[in-house]
Amino acid sequence: MNKQQPSLVFCIIMDILGYATYAVPGLGELGDIAFAPISAIIFYFMFGNWKGAVFNFAEELLPGTDFIPTFTIAWCIRYFSSKKTAALSKPV
């Protein structure tokens, strides 16, 4: 199955939204409780990976881990692994 590459811009926006809960004082972890399941569901539908979605959920809930750009890292992994696969499958 050849799945379409998600948008890098959308991935960066999702990472910014995950970090943005700390922009409003007092909202921090409370905002993460609401955003974590939404973020994990979006992650699953974008990348089709339950392990990544569970990691994303945990990363949003755990204090002090919001700086990890989970969506952007997943985008890079998918992008560079597809380039490697394409290069390996080229006829010589």
N, C-alpha and C. Protein backbone atom coordinates (compact mmCIF):
# COMPACT_ATOMS: atom_id res chain seq x y z
N MET A 1 0.84 -1.18 0.00
CA MET A 1 0.00 0.00 0.00
C MET A 1 0.89 1.24 0.00
N ASN A 2 0.69 2.11 -0.94
CA ASN A 2 1.48 3.32 -1.06
C ASN A 2 0.67 4.48 -0.48
N LYS A 3 0.95 4.82 0.75
CA LYS A 3 0.20 5.88 1.44
C LYS A 3 0.80 7.24 1.11
N GLN A 4 -0.06 8.22 0.93
CA GLN A 4 0.38 9.58 0.59
C GLN A 4 1.12 10.20 1.77
N GLN A 5 2.16 10.95 1.47
CA GLN A 5 2.97 11.63 2.47
C GLN A 5 2.15 12.77 3.09
N PRO A 6 2.03 12.82 4.43
CA PRO A 6 1.33 13.94 5.07
C PRO A 6 2.07 15.26 4.82
N SER A 7 1.38 16.35 5.00
CA SER A 7 1.95 17.67 4.79
C SER A 7 2.90 18.04 5.93
N LEU A 8 4.10 18.49 5.59
CA LEU A 8 5.07 18.92 6.59
C LEU A 8 4.55 20.14 7.34
N VAL A 9 3.89 21.05 6.63
CA VAL A 9 3.36 22.25 7.27
C VAL A 9 2.32 21.88 8.33
N PHE A 10 1.44 20.93 7.99
CA PHE A 10 0.43 20.49 8.96
C PHE A 10 1.09 19.84 10.17
N CYS A 11 2.14 19.05 9.95
CA CYS A 11 2.86 18.41 11.05
C CYS A 11 3.48 19.45 11.98
N ILE A 12 4.07 20.48 11.40
CA ILE A 12 4.67 21.55 12.21
C ILE A 12 3.59 22.28 13.00
N ILE A 13 2.44 22.54 12.37
CA ILE A 13 1.33 23.21 13.06
C ILE A 13 0.85 22.36 14.23
N MET A 14 0.74 21.05 14.04
CA MET A 14 0.31 20.16 15.13
C MET A 14 1.31 20.20 16.29
N ASP A 15 2.59 20.22 15.97
CA ASP A 15 3.61 20.31 17.03
C ASP A 15 3.53 21.64 17.78
N ILE A 16 3.28 22.71 17.05
CA ILE A 16 3.14 24.03 17.68
C ILE A 16 1.90 24.06 18.57
N LEU A 17 0.80 23.48 18.11
CA LEU A 17 -0.42 23.43 18.92
C LEU A 17 -0.18 22.64 20.21
N GLY A 18 0.57 21.56 20.12
CA GLY A 18 0.87 20.77 21.30
C GLY A 18 1.70 21.54 22.31
N TYR A 19 2.54 22.40 21.84
CA TYR A 19 3.39 23.20 22.72
C TYR A 19 2.67 24.47 23.18
N ALA A 20 1.68 24.91 22.43
CA ALA A 20 1.01 26.18 22.69
C ALA A 20 0.21 26.20 23.98
N THR A 21 -0.12 25.04 24.52
CA THR A 21 -0.88 25.04 25.77
C THR A 21 -0.12 25.72 26.89
N TYR A 22 1.19 25.79 26.77
CA TYR A 22 2.00 26.45 27.79
C TYR A 22 2.05 27.97 27.60
N ALA A 23 1.50 28.47 26.52
CA ALA A 23 1.50 29.90 26.28
C ALA A 23 0.53 30.63 27.21
N VAL A 24 -0.52 29.95 27.64
CA VAL A 24 -1.50 30.53 28.54
C VAL A 24 -1.18 30.05 29.96
N PRO A 25 -0.80 30.96 30.84
CA PRO A 25 -0.45 30.55 32.21
C PRO A 25 -1.59 29.80 32.91
N GLY A 26 -1.22 28.71 33.56
CA GLY A 26 -2.20 27.90 34.28
C GLY A 26 -2.91 26.87 33.42
N LEU A 27 -2.79 26.97 32.11
CA LEU A 27 -3.48 26.04 31.22
C LEU A 27 -2.65 24.80 30.95
N GLY A 28 -1.34 24.94 30.90
CA GLY A 28 -0.36 23.89 30.61
C GLY A 28 -0.86 22.47 30.57
N GLU A 29 -0.77 21.77 31.69
CA GLU A 29 -1.11 20.35 31.72
C GLU A 29 -2.60 20.10 31.54
N LEU A 30 -3.45 21.04 31.95
CA LEU A 30 -4.88 20.88 31.75
C LEU A 30 -5.21 20.85 30.26
N GLY A 31 -4.58 21.74 29.52
CA GLY A 31 -4.77 21.76 28.06
C GLY A 31 -4.26 20.49 27.41
N ASP A 32 -3.17 19.95 27.97
CA ASP A 32 -2.62 18.70 27.43
C ASP A 32 -3.57 17.52 27.63
N ILE A 33 -4.29 17.52 28.74
CA ILE A 33 -5.25 16.44 28.99
C ILE A 33 -6.32 16.41 27.90
N ALA A 34 -6.74 17.57 27.46
CA ALA A 34 -7.74 17.65 26.39
C ALA A 34 -7.12 17.40 25.02
N PHE A 35 -5.90 17.89 24.82
CA PHE A 35 -5.27 17.81 23.49
C PHE A 35 -4.65 16.45 23.20
N ALA A 36 -4.21 15.72 24.21
CA ALA A 36 -3.50 14.45 24.01
C ALA A 36 -4.30 13.42 23.20
N PRO A 37 -5.56 13.13 23.54
CA PRO A 37 -6.28 12.14 22.73
C PRO A 37 -6.58 12.62 21.31
N ILE A 38 -6.85 13.91 21.18
CA ILE A 38 -7.11 14.47 19.84
C ILE A 38 -5.85 14.35 18.98
N SER A 39 -4.72 14.71 19.56
CA SER A 39 -3.45 14.64 18.86
C SER A 39 -3.11 13.20 18.46
N ALA A 40 -3.35 12.26 19.36
CA ALA A 40 -3.04 10.85 19.07
C ALA A 40 -3.92 10.31 17.94
N ILE A 41 -5.18 10.69 17.93
CA ILE A 41 -6.10 10.24 16.86
C ILE A 41 -5.67 10.82 15.52
N ILE A 42 -5.34 12.11 15.50
CA ILE A 42 -4.88 12.75 14.26
C ILE A 42 -3.58 12.08 13.80
N PHE A 43 -2.68 11.80 14.74
CA PHE A 43 -1.42 11.14 14.40
C PHE A 43 -1.70 9.79 13.74
N TYR A 44 -2.60 9.01 14.33
CA TYR A 44 -2.91 7.69 13.77
C TYR A 44 -3.46 7.80 12.35
N PHE A 45 -4.38 8.72 12.13
CA PHE A 45 -4.97 8.85 10.80
C PHE A 45 -3.99 9.40 9.78
N MET A 46 -3.03 10.18 10.23
CA MET A 46 -2.03 10.71 9.29
C MET A 46 -0.97 9.68 8.93
N PHE A 47 -0.52 8.91 9.93
CA PHE A 47 0.61 8.01 9.72
C PHE A 47 0.23 6.54 9.78
N GLY A 48 -0.97 6.20 10.26
CA GLY A 48 -1.42 4.81 10.31
C GLY A 48 -0.58 3.94 11.23
N ASN A 49 -0.09 4.50 12.30
CA ASN A 49 0.82 3.78 13.18
C ASN A 49 0.34 3.92 14.63
N TRP A 50 -0.14 2.80 15.21
CA TRP A 50 -0.63 2.84 16.59
C TRP A 50 0.49 3.10 17.59
N LYS A 51 1.66 2.53 17.35
CA LYS A 51 2.78 2.75 18.29
C LYS A 51 3.14 4.23 18.34
N GLY A 52 3.20 4.87 17.20
CA GLY A 52 3.49 6.30 17.16
C GLY A 52 2.39 7.11 17.81
N ALA A 53 1.13 6.70 17.62
CA ALA A 53 0.01 7.42 18.22
C ALA A 53 0.04 7.30 19.75
N VAL A 54 0.39 6.11 20.25
CA VAL A 54 0.50 5.92 21.70
C VAL A 54 1.65 6.76 22.25
N PHE A 55 2.78 6.80 21.53
CA PHE A 55 3.90 7.63 21.95
C PHE A 55 3.49 9.10 21.96
N ASN A 56 2.78 9.53 20.92
CA ASN A 56 2.32 10.91 20.84
C ASN A 56 1.39 11.24 22.01
N PHE A 57 0.49 10.33 22.34
CA PHE A 57 -0.43 10.52 23.47
C PHE A 57 0.35 10.67 24.77
N ALA A 58 1.31 9.78 25.00
CA ALA A 58 2.11 9.83 26.22
C ALA A 58 2.95 11.11 26.27
N GLU A 59 3.51 11.48 25.13
CA GLU A 59 4.35 12.68 25.06
C GLU A 59 3.54 13.93 25.41
N GLU A 60 2.30 13.98 24.99
CA GLU A 60 1.46 15.13 25.30
C GLU A 60 1.05 15.15 26.77
N LEU A 61 0.87 13.98 27.38
CA LEU A 61 0.42 13.93 28.76
C LEU A 61 1.54 14.11 29.78
N LEU A 62 2.73 13.59 29.47
CA LEU A 62 3.82 13.64 30.43
C LEU A 62 4.35 15.07 30.57
N PRO A 63 4.52 15.53 31.80
CA PRO A 63 5.01 16.90 32.01
C PRO A 63 6.43 17.07 31.49
N GLY A 64 6.66 18.19 30.85
CA GLY A 64 8.00 18.54 30.37
C GLY A 64 8.42 17.90 29.07
N THR A 65 7.52 17.20 28.40
CA THR A 65 7.91 16.55 27.13
C THR A 65 7.26 17.20 25.91
N ASP A 66 6.57 18.30 26.10
CA ASP A 66 5.88 18.94 24.97
C ASP A 66 6.81 19.51 23.93
N PHE A 67 8.06 19.67 24.25
CA PHE A 67 9.00 20.24 23.29
C PHE A 67 9.37 19.24 22.19
N ILE A 68 9.04 17.96 22.36
CA ILE A 68 9.38 16.94 21.37
C ILE A 68 8.43 17.09 20.17
N PRO A 69 8.97 17.35 18.98
CA PRO A 69 8.11 17.54 17.79
C PRO A 69 7.74 16.19 17.17
N THR A 70 6.83 15.48 17.80
CA THR A 70 6.47 14.13 17.40
C THR A 70 6.00 14.04 15.95
N PHE A 71 5.13 14.94 15.55
CA PHE A 71 4.60 14.92 14.18
C PHE A 71 5.71 15.16 13.16
N THR A 72 6.57 16.11 13.42
CA THR A 72 7.65 16.43 12.49
C THR A 72 8.66 15.30 12.41
N ILE A 73 8.97 14.67 13.53
CA ILE A 73 9.88 13.52 13.52
C ILE A 73 9.27 12.38 12.71
N ALA A 74 7.99 12.11 12.90
CA ALA A 74 7.32 11.04 12.14
C ALA A 74 7.31 11.37 10.65
N TRP A 75 7.10 12.65 10.32
CA TRP A 75 7.12 13.05 8.91
C TRP A 75 8.50 12.78 8.31
N CYS A 76 9.56 13.15 9.04
CA CYS A 76 10.93 12.93 8.55
C CYS A 76 11.22 11.44 8.36
N ILE A 77 10.80 10.64 9.31
CA ILE A 77 11.01 9.19 9.20
C ILE A 77 10.32 8.65 7.96
N ARG A 78 9.06 9.04 7.75
CA ARG A 78 8.32 8.55 6.58
C ARG A 78 8.95 9.07 5.29
N TYR A 79 9.31 10.36 5.26
CA TYR A 79 9.86 10.97 4.06
C TYR A 79 11.18 10.31 3.65
N PHE A 80 12.10 10.20 4.61
CA PHE A 80 13.42 9.68 4.27
C PHE A 80 13.40 8.17 4.05
N SER A 81 12.51 7.45 4.70
CA SER A 81 12.43 6.01 4.44
C SER A 81 11.82 5.75 3.07
N SER A 82 10.89 6.61 2.62
CA SER A 82 10.32 6.44 1.28
C SER A 82 11.36 6.78 0.21
N LYS A 83 12.21 7.76 0.48
CA LYS A 83 13.29 8.09 -0.47
C LYS A 83 14.28 6.94 -0.58
N LYS A 84 14.60 6.33 0.56
CA LYS A 84 15.53 5.21 0.57
C LYS A 84 14.94 4.02 -0.18
N THR A 85 13.66 3.74 0.05
CA THR A 85 12.99 2.64 -0.63
C THR A 85 12.93 2.88 -2.13
N ALA A 86 12.65 4.13 -2.52
CA ALA A 86 12.59 4.47 -3.95
C ALA A 86 13.97 4.29 -4.59
N ALA A 87 15.00 4.69 -3.89
CA ALA A 87 16.36 4.56 -4.43
C ALA A 87 16.76 3.10 -4.57
N LEU A 88 16.34 2.27 -3.64
CA LEU A 88 16.68 0.85 -3.69
C LEU A 88 15.90 0.10 -4.77
N SER A 89 14.71 0.59 -5.11
CA SER A 89 13.90 -0.12 -6.08
C SER A 89 14.13 0.33 -7.52
N LYS A 90 15.00 1.34 -7.75
CA LYS A 90 15.30 1.78 -9.11
C LYS A 90 16.05 0.69 -9.86
N PRO A 91 15.67 0.46 -11.11
CA PRO A 91 16.40 -0.51 -11.92
C PRO A 91 17.80 0.01 -12.26
N VAL A 92 18.73 -0.89 -12.30
CA VAL A 92 20.13 -0.51 -12.56
C VAL A 92 20.42 -0.56 -14.03
